[in-house]
Structure formats: structure tokens, C-alpha cells
Amino acid sequence: MKNLQLNVILCIILLFSNIHAQNEAIIDLDNTHQLIRGFGACNILQWRPDMTRSEIETAFGTGDGQLGFTILRLRIQPDSDQWITNVSTAEKAYNMGVTIIAAPWNPPEEMLDPDSDSRRLSEDWYFDYVDHLNDFIYFMEDYDVPIYAVSVQNEPDYGDWTRWTAGEMLTFMRDCASEIDTRVMAPESFQFRRSYSDPILNDSAACANLDILGGHIYGGGTTPYPLAESKGKEIWMTEHYTDSQNSGNLWPMALDVGTDIHRVMNAGMSAYVWWYIVRYYGPISDGTMDSGNKGEITKRGYIMSQYARFIRPGFYRIECNSQPQSGVSMTAYKNESGSKIVIVAVNVSSLTKNQTLTIQNREVEAFTPYVTSETKNCKLENDIPASTGSFSVTLDGQSVTTFVSSGDVTAVEKVSSAPATFRLYQNYPNPFNPSTQIHFEIPEKSFVSLKVYNILGEEIAELAGKEYLAGMHSEIFDASHLTNGTYLYTLRTNDFISTRKLLVMR
């Protein structure tokens, strides 16, 4: 009976606390995450036609009706006679400030192991393979196209192309990769399989030769990678598509790419690279499958532009409620000096959502919104005043909205006085695995109880049960022993009680 009463009380509290929570998204410029290198796509020649000059302008320009891409991924063909086909588009893109990366699917035929049942690079040819990669780098440099990074192998764990075991990749990275004359990316597995990347990171010599931990997210991989971060490695997502059977204009399916990019950014990755840049299901139409006229931006492309046009190389992701309310995902960014703020909100719900955003410890004159929805294509809308540090907006149903700060961003001196009221914040990150942080504020010295319950009202953990001084406090909740699902956490003092939801997701 006691548990039943507690459960009823918790549900009532949760109902009212969620009404408040749905209007709260806190952006903290002082809590910085990964450096952003950019957004882009692949131009894979011989498999697809080369891009036209107009398509290049559309892809890499930053104006209205352009995508703002800053990364171009090329294929290193096994036949060096085909390398010249990469030059035209790569040269134009590089001259527009684009970063050029490249990956091989196969080595030259003579380097393959004749005794293997699958396509495998013979270990006797490893240093010749290094020469092959370097020859491509030098060839492109001769045409004034520096290659920022090369991958050792596209998807060594998948497909009909050359396969590598994790042990072979480790050996190459440890013994040979130092001879490659640009940044080295590896292992670029099908779904960031850590059985391939962990051995490289845990081997001191191989790790020293690794510049970028690259990978794809087909079927998985969009989770933070603490080991890579602890080794100081940038993490790049270098190939994905969310659908290849339908037009990039199909709505609301096209909206999936907004959620895709959100997950990649929220996982701490520095780059997002789509598959074919010109294709009916890609960002630019090839003129087939009802994707529009050839060279036109698709709905999927406009959604990608909501990130690429405004979050430029050199920006940093900053802390923000990743899911401030049901159906809404949000990430936030700043430039190096902190003078520009960009916030991207993805609303997958068919309903409009009222959302309040608060910029901690900053005064911002205004934010300029750009919206892509079923009826809008990165549409510029009216400025929203934000001089108080907080502003409220209505997010269109099934839309992506990018808020770009305009005018000065001014730091507000932090006042050391006690908070004016009691307050329990939404845990961050949420969803999480395995741990999350819960912040709360109290205006006076108080005894504080902070407990976690399951949905039946049964106590799972006690995080606090003591006196705290006035101010902001936080506790870590480790859910490594819990199953997936929704749990509740409740803050109680003599004069205050508040409950919120948290979500454990493996």
C-alpha cells in the first residue's frame, strides 16, 4: 500500500514537472565538447558520374540554396591511370575551402594474396601499399589538391572489397603507417566496431601513427568513445546513408538525416560525411526517382544544410539538453572566440512544440532562425530577441530549425550569491549509458534527499541524504547494473519536491 501511494505521488509530481521541463533547454558555452571539422559527402568516380560545375557550387557554397559542405571524400582507385578523374571536382572544391579526404576500396591486383579465399592484401606487400597511397597523395598535390587524410581501407570488415582482420590492421598501423605522408585515418569499419579500433588505440606505436579514428554507422556506432577521446583522437563519421530506396524528397523520411547528424554530433564526433553527393536519395538530385531536376537540392540536402551552412570548421559543440522534450533533439555550437552561437533543434513530432532556450552566463542580442519542413527549405525567418539570455520559440511539426546568433555575445559575470529558488535540472546526458549527472540548486542550507525510483515507485538508489550549503550541486548516477528503461529521480527538502524522468539506453 505504501509503494502504491508513493507511485501515485510520483506520477502526479512527474506530470507537473514535465510541463515545466518541456520549456527548458539550457545551453552552456563554458562546457565545451568536440571540435567540429565539418560536414560533407562522397564523389566516387567510375561508380557515379563526376559533378558538374553547378553541382560543385551548390554543394560547397554557403549562400541561400546551397549546402555549405566542407568535406569531400574521394576513392583511391587501384589503377593509378584513373586518378586524374578525381582532379577536376577536387580542385574546385579545395579552392572553395573544402577539406579533401580519400579512401581505397582495393589495392592494385598484384598486391592481393593469391592464397586467400577472400580479397586480402598480402603482408609482403604492406610497404608497397604505403607507396601506392603516397603516390596518390603526391599525384593530387601536383594538381594543387592537398589530401588532408587518407584511410588505410574503406570498411575492412564488410563488403566485396578487400578485407582485413583486426590483427592485420593493427600490424599495418604499428609497423607501416608512419611512412604515409599525410594524416592517417583508420580503421573505418562498417559500424565503428571497437574490436578493430580498440587494439590500435591500446598499442602505443599504432596509436601514435593514428591521426583520425574514422568509421561508419551502418546499423550502429553512434555512441561516445571514451577510449578514443582519452587518447586525444578526433572521431570522424566518414560514410552513411539513412535510406537508398526512396527519393531524398520523400517526407517525412528525409527528416531522418537530421536525427542521424544529431546522434553523430552528440556522440562526440568531429565530422559527418554522407555517401553519394549526387544521387536521388542524396543531398543533390541526379534527376531520377522523383528527386527533382538533376542538380537540385533535395529535402534531405536542405536538412543537411541546416548544420553544414552554419556550423563551420573550427566550431565546438557545447553542452545542451540533447532531448529537452518528447520528440525534440537539440545540439549547440560556438565558434572559437565564443562570438557566434548556433543551435539546431530537430522536431520529429507531427505536432508543433513550444520550446524555451536559455543561454547560461551570456547576453545575446538576437537569434536568426532558419527552418526546413515539408513546406520550407532552409527558410530564413524573423529574428528572435534574446537579450535577457532566454527566448521562447514554436518549432514547426516535423522540422529542423537552426538558430544563429546575431549581434554581440556578451559574457555575464557570474554572481556568487545563492540561487533564488530550489531547482532540479534534467540529467545530462539523457538517454545515457552507463552514467549521468544530476544538477540541483538550493537557495539556503538544507537537508536534501535525492533518490532514483523505477516506474513502480520502488527505490533504486539514494544519491543524496545530507545537508548541503546554498548553491548549485551535482551527483553522478551510475546505472550500469540496471536494465534499459525509464526511471524517475526525486529531489526532496523540507520546502520543495520535484521529480523528473531519466532514460537508460544500452
Protein backbone atom coordinates (compact mmCIF):
# COMPACT_ATOMS: atom_id res chain seq x y z
CA MET A 1 0.00 0.00 0.00
CA LYS A 2 2.84 2.35 0.87
CA ASN A 3 4.54 1.74 -2.51
CA LEU A 4 1.23 2.31 -4.32
CA GLN A 5 0.76 5.67 -2.58
CA LEU A 6 4.32 6.65 -3.38
CA ASN A 7 3.85 5.69 -7.02
CA VAL A 8 0.71 7.84 -7.30
CA ILE A 9 2.52 10.79 -5.73
CA LEU A 10 5.49 10.39 -8.07
CA CYS A 11 3.26 10.26 -11.14
CA ILE A 12 1.44 13.43 -10.09
CA ILE A 13 4.72 15.22 -9.45
CA LEU A 14 6.09 13.96 -12.75
CA LEU A 15 3.10 15.29 -14.66
CA PHE A 16 3.61 18.81 -13.35
CA SER A 17 7.39 18.77 -13.53
CA ASN A 18 7.23 17.70 -17.20
CA ILE A 19 5.08 20.71 -18.02
CA HIS A 20 7.94 22.86 -16.80
CA ALA A 21 10.64 20.65 -18.32
CA GLN A 22 9.24 20.86 -21.85
CA ASN A 23 10.01 24.60 -21.93
CA GLU A 24 13.60 24.30 -20.76
CA ALA A 25 16.74 23.82 -22.83
CA ILE A 26 19.93 25.14 -21.24
CA ILE A 27 22.95 25.98 -23.41
CA ASP A 28 26.27 26.26 -21.56
CA LEU A 29 29.07 27.92 -23.57
CA ASP A 30 31.55 27.22 -20.78
CA ASN A 31 31.18 23.44 -21.15
CA THR A 32 32.91 22.60 -24.42
CA HIS A 33 32.92 19.25 -26.22
CA GLN A 34 34.49 18.19 -29.54
CA LEU A 35 36.00 20.36 -32.28
CA ILE A 36 33.89 20.32 -35.45
CA ARG A 37 35.74 19.70 -38.72
CA GLY A 38 32.70 19.81 -40.96
CA PHE A 39 30.01 18.06 -42.97
CA GLY A 40 30.21 16.61 -46.45
CA ALA A 41 29.70 13.70 -48.84
CA CYS A 42 31.45 11.42 -51.34
CA ASN A 43 32.24 11.82 -55.04
CA ILE A 44 33.05 8.26 -56.11
CA LEU A 45 34.12 8.26 -59.74
CA GLN A 46 33.76 5.38 -62.16
CA TRP A 47 30.82 4.31 -59.97
CA ARG A 48 28.96 7.62 -60.47
CA PRO A 49 29.41 10.48 -62.98
CA ASP A 50 31.57 13.42 -61.96
CA MET A 51 29.93 16.54 -60.57
CA THR A 52 29.15 19.49 -62.82
CA ARG A 53 30.45 22.97 -62.03
CA SER A 54 26.94 24.00 -60.95
CA GLU A 55 26.66 20.99 -58.62
CA ILE A 56 30.03 21.84 -57.08
CA GLU A 57 28.85 25.39 -56.38
CA THR A 58 25.62 24.06 -54.88
CA ALA A 59 27.41 21.53 -52.70
CA PHE A 60 30.16 23.73 -51.29
CA GLY A 61 28.75 27.25 -51.44
CA THR A 62 27.33 28.79 -48.26
CA GLY A 63 24.59 31.05 -49.61
CA ASP A 64 20.85 30.58 -49.95
CA GLY A 65 20.05 27.47 -51.97
CA GLN A 66 23.48 25.93 -51.26
CA LEU A 67 24.56 23.16 -48.89
CA GLY A 68 27.67 24.58 -47.22
CA PHE A 69 29.60 21.27 -47.28
CA THR A 70 33.23 21.47 -46.16
CA ILE A 71 34.43 17.86 -46.62
CA LEU A 72 34.78 15.90 -49.89
CA ARG A 73 35.63 12.18 -49.77
CA LEU A 74 37.26 10.52 -52.78
CA ARG A 75 38.04 6.95 -53.80
CA ILE A 76 41.68 5.95 -54.34
CA GLN A 77 41.32 3.74 -57.38
CA PRO A 78 43.61 0.68 -57.59
CA ASP A 79 44.54 1.74 -61.15
CA SER A 80 46.62 4.92 -60.99
CA ASP A 81 45.63 5.77 -64.57
CA GLN A 82 42.18 6.66 -63.19
CA TRP A 83 43.40 9.12 -60.56
CA ILE A 84 43.21 12.03 -62.99
CA THR A 85 39.40 11.76 -62.94
CA ASN A 86 39.37 12.94 -59.32
CA VAL A 87 41.18 16.19 -60.03
CA SER A 88 38.55 18.45 -61.61
CA THR A 89 35.98 18.41 -58.79
CA ALA A 90 38.56 18.10 -56.00
CA GLU A 91 40.50 21.11 -57.29
CA LYS A 92 37.40 23.30 -57.49
CA ALA A 93 36.22 22.15 -54.06
CA TYR A 94 39.63 22.73 -52.46
CA ASN A 95 39.73 26.24 -53.89
CA MET A 96 36.39 26.84 -52.12
CA GLY A 97 38.00 25.91 -48.79
CA VAL A 98 36.91 22.25 -48.70
CA THR A 99 38.87 19.54 -46.85
CA ILE A 100 39.70 16.59 -49.14
CA ILE A 101 39.98 13.06 -47.73
CA ALA A 102 40.38 9.78 -49.59
CA ALA A 103 39.93 6.04 -49.04
CA PRO A 104 40.85 2.90 -51.00
CA TRP A 105 38.40 0.05 -51.53
CA ASN A 106 41.05 -2.22 -53.09
CA PRO A 107 44.82 -2.21 -53.64
CA PRO A 108 46.35 -2.92 -57.05
CA GLU A 109 45.60 -6.50 -58.07
CA GLU A 110 49.21 -7.65 -57.81
CA MET A 111 49.21 -6.86 -54.07
CA LEU A 112 46.39 -9.27 -53.25
CA ASP A 113 47.18 -12.56 -51.54
CA PRO A 114 46.67 -15.30 -54.18
CA ASP A 115 46.22 -17.96 -51.49
CA SER A 116 43.34 -16.23 -49.71
CA ASP A 117 39.70 -17.22 -50.20
CA SER A 118 38.72 -13.54 -49.96
CA ARG A 119 40.33 -10.35 -51.20
CA ARG A 120 43.23 -9.70 -48.81
CA LEU A 121 46.32 -7.55 -49.05
CA SER A 122 49.39 -9.75 -48.78
CA GLU A 123 51.53 -8.80 -45.78
CA ASP A 124 54.60 -8.98 -48.03
CA TRP A 125 53.18 -6.00 -49.91
CA TYR A 126 52.42 -3.72 -46.96
CA PHE A 127 55.19 -1.20 -47.70
CA ASP A 128 54.37 -1.28 -51.42
CA TYR A 129 50.83 -0.44 -50.40
CA VAL A 130 52.18 2.53 -48.44
CA ASP A 131 53.92 3.64 -51.65
CA HIS A 132 50.63 3.28 -53.53
CA LEU A 133 48.85 5.56 -51.04
CA ASN A 134 51.72 8.06 -51.10
CA ASP A 135 51.74 8.09 -54.89
CA PHE A 136 48.08 9.13 -54.84
CA ILE A 137 48.88 11.88 -52.31
CA TYR A 138 51.77 13.19 -54.47
CA PHE A 139 49.68 12.95 -57.64
CA MET A 140 46.93 15.11 -56.17
CA GLU A 141 49.46 17.56 -54.73
CA ASP A 142 50.89 18.02 -58.22
CA TYR A 143 47.45 19.40 -59.16
CA ASP A 144 47.41 21.65 -56.07
CA VAL A 145 44.94 19.43 -54.20
CA PRO A 146 46.39 18.53 -50.78
CA ILE A 147 44.90 15.39 -49.28
CA TYR A 148 44.08 16.14 -45.65
CA ALA A 149 43.89 12.47 -44.63
CA VAL A 150 43.88 9.02 -46.20
CA SER A 151 42.18 5.93 -44.87
CA VAL A 152 44.05 2.64 -44.78
CA GLN A 153 40.96 0.77 -46.00
CA ASN A 154 37.29 1.52 -46.55
CA GLU A 155 35.26 -0.93 -44.41
CA PRO A 156 37.83 -3.67 -43.79
CA ASP A 157 35.10 -5.72 -42.11
CA TYR A 158 32.37 -5.67 -44.78
CA GLY A 159 31.58 -5.91 -48.47
CA ASP A 160 33.05 -7.47 -51.61
CA TRP A 161 36.17 -5.30 -51.47
CA THR A 162 39.42 -6.05 -49.66
CA ARG A 163 39.04 -7.49 -46.16
CA TRP A 164 41.39 -7.01 -43.22
CA THR A 165 41.31 -8.73 -39.87
CA ALA A 166 41.68 -6.59 -36.75
CA GLY A 167 45.14 -8.11 -36.27
CA GLU A 168 46.22 -7.22 -39.81
CA MET A 169 45.01 -3.65 -39.37
CA LEU A 170 46.93 -3.38 -36.09
CA THR A 171 50.12 -4.71 -37.68
CA PHE A 172 49.90 -2.26 -40.57
CA MET A 173 49.17 0.69 -38.28
CA ARG A 174 52.01 -0.24 -35.93
CA ASP A 175 54.70 -1.13 -38.46
CA CYS A 176 53.92 0.78 -41.65
CA ALA A 177 51.53 3.71 -41.19
CA SER A 178 54.24 6.12 -40.04
CA GLU A 179 55.54 6.14 -43.65
CA ILE A 180 52.30 7.63 -45.03
CA ASP A 181 52.90 11.26 -45.90
CA THR A 182 49.67 12.77 -44.63
CA ARG A 183 47.27 12.20 -41.74
CA VAL A 184 46.25 8.58 -41.33
CA MET A 185 42.66 7.51 -40.74
CA ALA A 186 41.70 4.04 -39.53
CA PRO A 187 40.09 1.57 -39.24
CA GLU A 188 36.97 2.99 -40.97
CA SER A 189 34.93 -0.07 -40.09
CA PHE A 190 31.32 -0.66 -41.09
CA GLN A 191 29.84 0.45 -37.76
CA PHE A 192 32.70 1.73 -35.58
CA ARG A 193 33.44 -1.83 -34.46
CA ARG A 194 35.68 -1.41 -31.46
CA SER A 195 37.16 -4.86 -31.97
CA TYR A 196 39.04 -3.14 -34.83
CA SER A 197 39.82 0.21 -33.23
CA ASP A 198 40.50 -0.66 -29.58
CA PRO A 199 43.67 -2.68 -30.39
CA ILE A 200 45.06 0.29 -32.34
CA LEU A 201 44.30 2.72 -29.52
CA ASN A 202 45.77 0.39 -26.91
CA ASP A 203 49.04 -0.17 -28.80
CA SER A 204 51.37 2.79 -28.21
CA ALA A 205 53.11 2.61 -31.60
CA ALA A 206 49.94 2.07 -33.63
CA CYS A 207 48.12 4.80 -31.69
CA ALA A 208 50.97 7.24 -32.35
CA ASN A 209 50.55 6.63 -36.10
CA LEU A 210 46.77 7.20 -35.97
CA ASP A 211 45.57 10.76 -36.58
CA ILE A 212 41.83 10.27 -37.07
CA LEU A 213 39.65 7.44 -35.84
CA GLY A 214 37.26 7.00 -38.74
CA GLY A 215 34.22 4.81 -39.02
CA HIS A 216 30.75 4.29 -40.47
CA ILE A 217 27.42 3.88 -38.69
CA TYR A 218 25.54 1.30 -40.72
CA GLY A 219 23.46 -0.42 -38.05
CA GLY A 220 25.26 1.04 -35.06
CA GLY A 221 28.18 3.07 -33.78
CA THR A 222 26.60 6.35 -32.66
CA THR A 223 27.77 6.19 -29.08
CA PRO A 224 30.52 8.14 -27.33
CA TYR A 225 34.00 6.63 -27.49
CA PRO A 226 35.80 7.49 -24.23
CA LEU A 227 38.93 5.46 -25.09
CA ALA A 228 39.49 7.39 -28.33
CA GLU A 229 38.88 10.69 -26.55
CA SER A 230 41.29 9.75 -23.76
CA LYS A 231 43.98 9.17 -26.42
CA GLY A 232 43.33 12.61 -27.90
CA LYS A 233 41.98 11.26 -31.21
CA GLU A 234 39.39 13.02 -33.31
CA ILE A 235 36.48 10.76 -34.30
CA TRP A 236 35.07 11.18 -37.82
CA MET A 237 31.95 9.54 -39.24
CA THR A 238 33.02 9.18 -42.86
CA GLU A 239 30.14 7.38 -44.59
CA HIS A 240 26.45 6.74 -44.08
CA TYR A 241 23.07 6.99 -45.74
CA THR A 242 19.75 6.65 -43.94
CA ASP A 243 17.89 5.20 -46.96
CA SER A 244 18.82 4.27 -50.52
CA GLN A 245 15.49 3.06 -51.90
CA ASN A 246 13.48 6.28 -52.00
CA SER A 247 13.76 9.84 -53.22
CA GLY A 248 15.54 12.31 -50.97
CA ASN A 249 12.37 14.39 -51.23
CA LEU A 250 10.14 11.78 -49.60
CA TRP A 251 8.68 13.36 -46.48
CA PRO A 252 8.96 12.82 -43.55
CA MET A 253 11.55 10.11 -44.31
CA ALA A 254 14.03 12.80 -45.34
CA LEU A 255 13.92 14.13 -41.79
CA ASP A 256 15.82 11.02 -40.65
CA VAL A 257 19.10 12.60 -41.69
CA GLY A 258 18.56 15.40 -39.16
CA THR A 259 18.28 12.84 -36.37
CA ASP A 260 21.27 10.98 -37.84
CA ILE A 261 23.51 14.05 -37.68
CA HIS A 262 22.24 14.89 -34.19
CA ARG A 263 23.26 11.45 -32.92
CA VAL A 264 26.70 11.66 -34.53
CA MET A 265 27.38 15.10 -33.08
CA ASN A 266 26.01 14.15 -29.65
CA ALA A 267 28.32 11.11 -29.65
CA GLY A 268 31.35 13.41 -29.81
CA MET A 269 32.28 13.05 -33.48
CA SER A 270 34.01 15.83 -35.37
CA ALA A 271 32.69 15.14 -38.88
CA TYR A 272 29.63 13.80 -40.68
CA VAL A 273 30.06 12.54 -44.24
CA TRP A 274 27.15 11.27 -46.34
CA TRP A 275 27.55 8.68 -49.13
CA TYR A 276 26.98 9.79 -52.77
CA ILE A 277 26.76 13.56 -53.01
CA VAL A 278 24.72 13.47 -56.25
CA ARG A 279 22.10 10.72 -56.14
CA TYR A 280 18.32 10.52 -55.98
CA TYR A 281 18.44 9.63 -52.26
CA GLY A 282 21.29 12.03 -51.50
CA PRO A 283 21.58 15.77 -50.90
CA ILE A 284 21.66 16.68 -54.61
CA SER A 285 19.31 15.06 -57.13
CA ASP A 286 20.60 13.06 -60.08
CA GLY A 287 17.27 13.61 -61.84
CA THR A 288 15.82 10.15 -61.17
CA MET A 289 13.23 8.60 -58.81
CA ASP A 290 11.14 11.79 -58.44
CA SER A 291 14.05 13.52 -56.72
CA GLY A 292 13.70 16.68 -58.78
CA ASN A 293 15.73 18.01 -61.67
CA LYS A 294 19.37 16.99 -61.83
CA GLY A 295 21.45 19.34 -59.69
CA GLU A 296 18.60 20.45 -57.44
CA ILE A 297 18.88 20.16 -53.67
CA THR A 298 16.59 17.52 -52.20
CA LYS A 299 14.73 17.79 -48.89
CA ARG A 300 17.43 15.60 -47.39
CA GLY A 301 20.01 18.08 -48.67
CA TYR A 302 18.24 21.06 -47.15
CA ILE A 303 18.16 19.30 -43.79
CA MET A 304 21.90 18.66 -44.02
CA SER A 305 22.41 22.33 -44.87
CA GLN A 306 20.78 23.26 -41.56
CA TYR A 307 24.01 22.03 -39.99
CA ALA A 308 26.62 22.49 -42.72
CA ARG A 309 25.89 26.11 -43.68
CA PHE A 310 26.08 27.44 -40.15
CA ILE A 311 28.33 25.15 -38.10
CA ARG A 312 31.65 25.81 -39.74
CA PRO A 313 35.05 24.11 -39.33
CA GLY A 314 36.62 25.32 -36.10
CA PHE A 315 33.35 25.47 -34.17
CA TYR A 316 32.94 23.46 -30.98
CA ARG A 317 29.93 21.58 -29.72
CA ILE A 318 28.83 22.93 -26.35
CA GLU A 319 26.66 21.40 -23.67
CA CYS A 320 22.94 21.44 -24.28
CA ASN A 321 19.97 19.30 -23.28
CA SER A 322 20.04 16.68 -26.02
CA GLN A 323 16.33 15.90 -25.61
CA PRO A 324 14.63 18.84 -23.90
CA GLN A 325 11.19 17.34 -24.51
CA SER A 326 9.50 14.44 -26.26
CA GLY A 327 10.16 14.42 -29.99
CA VAL A 328 12.77 17.20 -29.88
CA SER A 329 16.54 16.66 -30.21
CA MET A 330 18.95 19.56 -29.80
CA THR A 331 22.66 20.31 -30.12
CA ALA A 332 24.50 23.62 -29.73
CA TYR A 333 27.81 25.02 -31.00
CA LYS A 334 30.06 28.07 -30.75
CA ASN A 335 32.98 29.42 -32.74
CA GLU A 336 36.45 29.52 -31.19
CA SER A 337 36.06 33.00 -29.73
CA GLY A 338 32.53 32.39 -28.48
CA SER A 339 31.20 35.32 -30.50
CA LYS A 340 28.85 33.14 -32.55
CA ILE A 341 26.35 30.57 -31.26
CA VAL A 342 24.43 28.05 -33.36
CA ILE A 343 21.65 25.83 -32.01
CA VAL A 344 19.97 23.07 -34.06
CA ALA A 345 16.61 21.64 -32.99
CA VAL A 346 15.11 18.58 -34.71
CA ASN A 347 11.38 18.08 -34.07
CA VAL A 348 10.31 14.65 -35.35
CA SER A 349 6.81 15.02 -33.91
CA SER A 350 3.99 15.98 -36.26
CA LEU A 351 2.93 18.50 -33.60
CA THR A 352 4.33 21.98 -33.10
CA LYS A 353 6.42 22.28 -29.93
CA ASN A 354 6.80 25.29 -27.66
CA GLN A 355 10.40 25.48 -26.52
CA THR A 356 12.29 27.86 -24.24
CA LEU A 357 16.06 28.16 -24.66
CA THR A 358 18.32 29.68 -22.03
CA ILE A 359 21.91 30.75 -22.72
CA GLN A 360 23.81 30.46 -19.45
CA ASN A 361 26.04 33.37 -18.42
CA ARG A 362 25.73 35.17 -21.77
CA GLU A 363 23.72 38.03 -23.21
CA VAL A 364 22.83 37.65 -26.90
CA GLU A 365 21.10 40.37 -28.91
CA ALA A 366 19.02 38.02 -31.04
CA PHE A 367 18.86 34.70 -32.87
CA THR A 368 18.04 34.27 -36.55
CA PRO A 369 16.07 31.08 -37.30
CA TYR A 370 16.26 29.00 -40.48
CA VAL A 371 13.66 26.25 -40.95
CA THR A 372 13.32 23.17 -43.14
CA SER A 373 9.97 21.39 -43.02
CA GLU A 374 7.61 19.82 -45.53
CA THR A 375 6.84 23.29 -46.92
CA LYS A 376 10.08 25.19 -46.13
CA ASN A 377 13.61 24.82 -47.45
CA CYS A 378 16.14 26.33 -45.02
CA LYS A 379 13.80 29.34 -44.90
CA LEU A 380 15.05 32.49 -43.22
CA GLU A 381 12.54 33.70 -40.62
CA ASN A 382 12.24 36.75 -38.35
CA ASP A 383 14.88 37.45 -35.71
CA ILE A 384 14.04 36.47 -32.14
CA PRO A 385 15.19 38.91 -29.39
CA ALA A 386 17.28 37.15 -26.74
CA SER A 387 18.87 39.98 -24.75
CA THR A 388 17.69 38.54 -21.43
CA GLY A 389 19.59 35.33 -22.15
CA SER A 390 16.40 33.37 -22.70
CA PHE A 391 13.89 33.15 -25.54
CA SER A 392 10.84 31.06 -26.45
CA VAL A 393 10.02 29.64 -29.86
CA THR A 394 7.48 27.43 -31.58
CA LEU A 395 9.07 24.58 -33.53
CA ASP A 396 7.16 23.51 -36.64
CA GLY A 397 5.98 19.93 -36.66
CA GLN A 398 8.46 17.58 -38.39
CA SER A 399 11.12 20.20 -38.92
CA VAL A 400 14.72 21.20 -38.36
CA THR A 401 15.33 24.72 -37.05
CA THR A 402 18.76 26.33 -36.84
CA PHE A 403 19.14 29.37 -34.57
CA VAL A 404 22.14 31.57 -35.42
CA SER A 405 23.13 34.33 -33.01
CA SER A 406 23.24 37.84 -34.41
CA GLY A 407 24.91 40.84 -32.83
CA ASP A 408 27.18 40.70 -29.82
CA VAL A 409 27.50 37.75 -27.46
CA THR A 410 28.49 39.20 -24.10
CA ALA A 411 29.70 37.27 -21.08
CA VAL A 412 27.72 37.92 -17.92
CA GLU A 413 29.73 37.96 -14.73
CA LYS A 414 28.75 35.06 -12.54
CA VAL A 415 27.23 36.20 -9.26
CA SER A 416 28.23 34.13 -6.26
CA SER A 417 25.00 34.79 -4.38
CA ALA A 418 22.72 31.88 -3.60
CA PRO A 419 20.05 30.77 -6.08
CA ALA A 420 16.67 32.42 -5.67
CA THR A 421 14.71 29.15 -5.61
CA PHE A 422 15.01 25.39 -5.34
CA ARG A 423 15.51 23.74 -8.72
CA LEU A 424 16.06 20.22 -10.05
CA TYR A 425 17.61 20.06 -13.52
CA GLN A 426 17.19 17.44 -16.22
CA ASN A 427 20.01 14.90 -16.03
CA TYR A 428 22.71 15.08 -18.71
CA PRO A 429 23.30 13.15 -20.85
CA ASN A 430 19.86 11.67 -21.34
CA PRO A 431 19.38 8.96 -22.62
CA PHE A 432 22.63 7.65 -21.13
CA ASN A 433 24.83 4.59 -20.64
CA PRO A 434 26.10 3.89 -18.06
CA SER A 435 26.24 7.11 -16.02
CA THR A 436 24.66 10.56 -15.97
CA GLN A 437 24.94 13.76 -13.94
CA ILE A 438 22.07 15.35 -12.00
CA HIS A 439 22.31 19.04 -11.02
CA PHE A 440 20.20 20.83 -8.45
CA GLU A 441 20.10 24.27 -6.84
CA ILE A 442 19.08 25.23 -3.30
CA PRO A 443 18.68 28.82 -2.03
CA GLU A 444 19.63 28.06 1.59
CA LYS A 445 21.36 25.47 3.72
CA SER A 446 19.03 22.47 3.61
CA PHE A 447 18.77 18.74 4.15
CA VAL A 448 18.45 17.23 0.67
CA SER A 449 17.21 13.81 -0.37
CA LEU A 450 17.85 12.71 -3.94
CA LYS A 451 16.60 9.23 -4.86
CA VAL A 452 16.02 7.18 -8.00
CA TYR A 453 12.92 5.00 -8.43
CA ASN A 454 11.65 2.56 -11.00
CA ILE A 455 8.24 3.15 -12.60
CA LEU A 456 6.61 1.04 -9.86
CA GLY A 457 7.78 3.54 -7.25
CA GLU A 458 10.41 1.19 -5.82
CA GLU A 459 13.61 2.88 -4.65
CA ILE A 460 16.62 2.02 -6.83
CA ALA A 461 19.34 4.29 -5.44
CA GLU A 462 19.93 7.07 -2.93
CA LEU A 463 22.24 9.72 -4.37
CA ALA A 464 21.95 12.28 -1.56
CA GLY A 465 20.75 12.29 2.01
CA LYS A 466 22.54 15.04 3.89
CA GLU A 467 22.78 18.81 4.41
CA TYR A 468 24.02 20.99 1.54
CA LEU A 469 25.02 24.64 1.57
CA ALA A 470 23.15 27.10 -0.66
CA GLY A 471 24.21 26.93 -4.30
CA MET A 472 24.49 24.59 -7.27
CA HIS A 473 25.31 20.92 -6.61
CA SER A 474 25.51 17.75 -8.67
CA GLU A 475 25.55 13.99 -8.18
CA ILE A 476 26.53 11.15 -10.52
CA PHE A 477 24.11 8.28 -11.06
CA ASP A 478 25.68 5.01 -12.23
CA ALA A 479 23.08 2.77 -13.89
CA SER A 480 25.46 0.05 -15.07
CA HIS A 481 23.51 -2.51 -13.02
CA LEU A 482 20.11 -1.53 -14.42
CA THR A 483 18.20 -2.71 -17.46
CA ASN A 484 17.06 -0.40 -20.27
CA GLY A 485 14.04 1.70 -19.42
CA THR A 486 12.56 4.82 -17.85
CA TYR A 487 13.29 5.68 -14.23
CA LEU A 488 12.33 8.61 -12.00
CA TYR A 489 14.52 10.74 -9.76
CA THR A 490 13.12 12.90 -6.96
CA LEU A 491 14.64 15.79 -5.02
CA ARG A 492 13.10 16.50 -1.58
CA THR A 493 13.79 19.16 1.02
CA ASN A 494 11.59 20.44 3.84
CA ASP A 495 10.03 23.00 1.48
CA PHE A 496 10.37 21.52 -2.00
CA ILE A 497 9.82 18.35 -4.02
CA SER A 498 10.47 17.75 -7.73
CA THR A 499 10.63 14.65 -9.95
CA ARG A 500 12.00 14.08 -13.43
CA LYS A 501 12.45 11.17 -15.80
CA LEU A 502 15.71 9.63 -16.95
CA LEU A 503 16.22 7.00 -19.65
CA VAL A 504 18.79 4.19 -19.54
CA MET A 505 19.63 3.03 -23.07
CA ARG A 506 22.34 0.47 -23.82
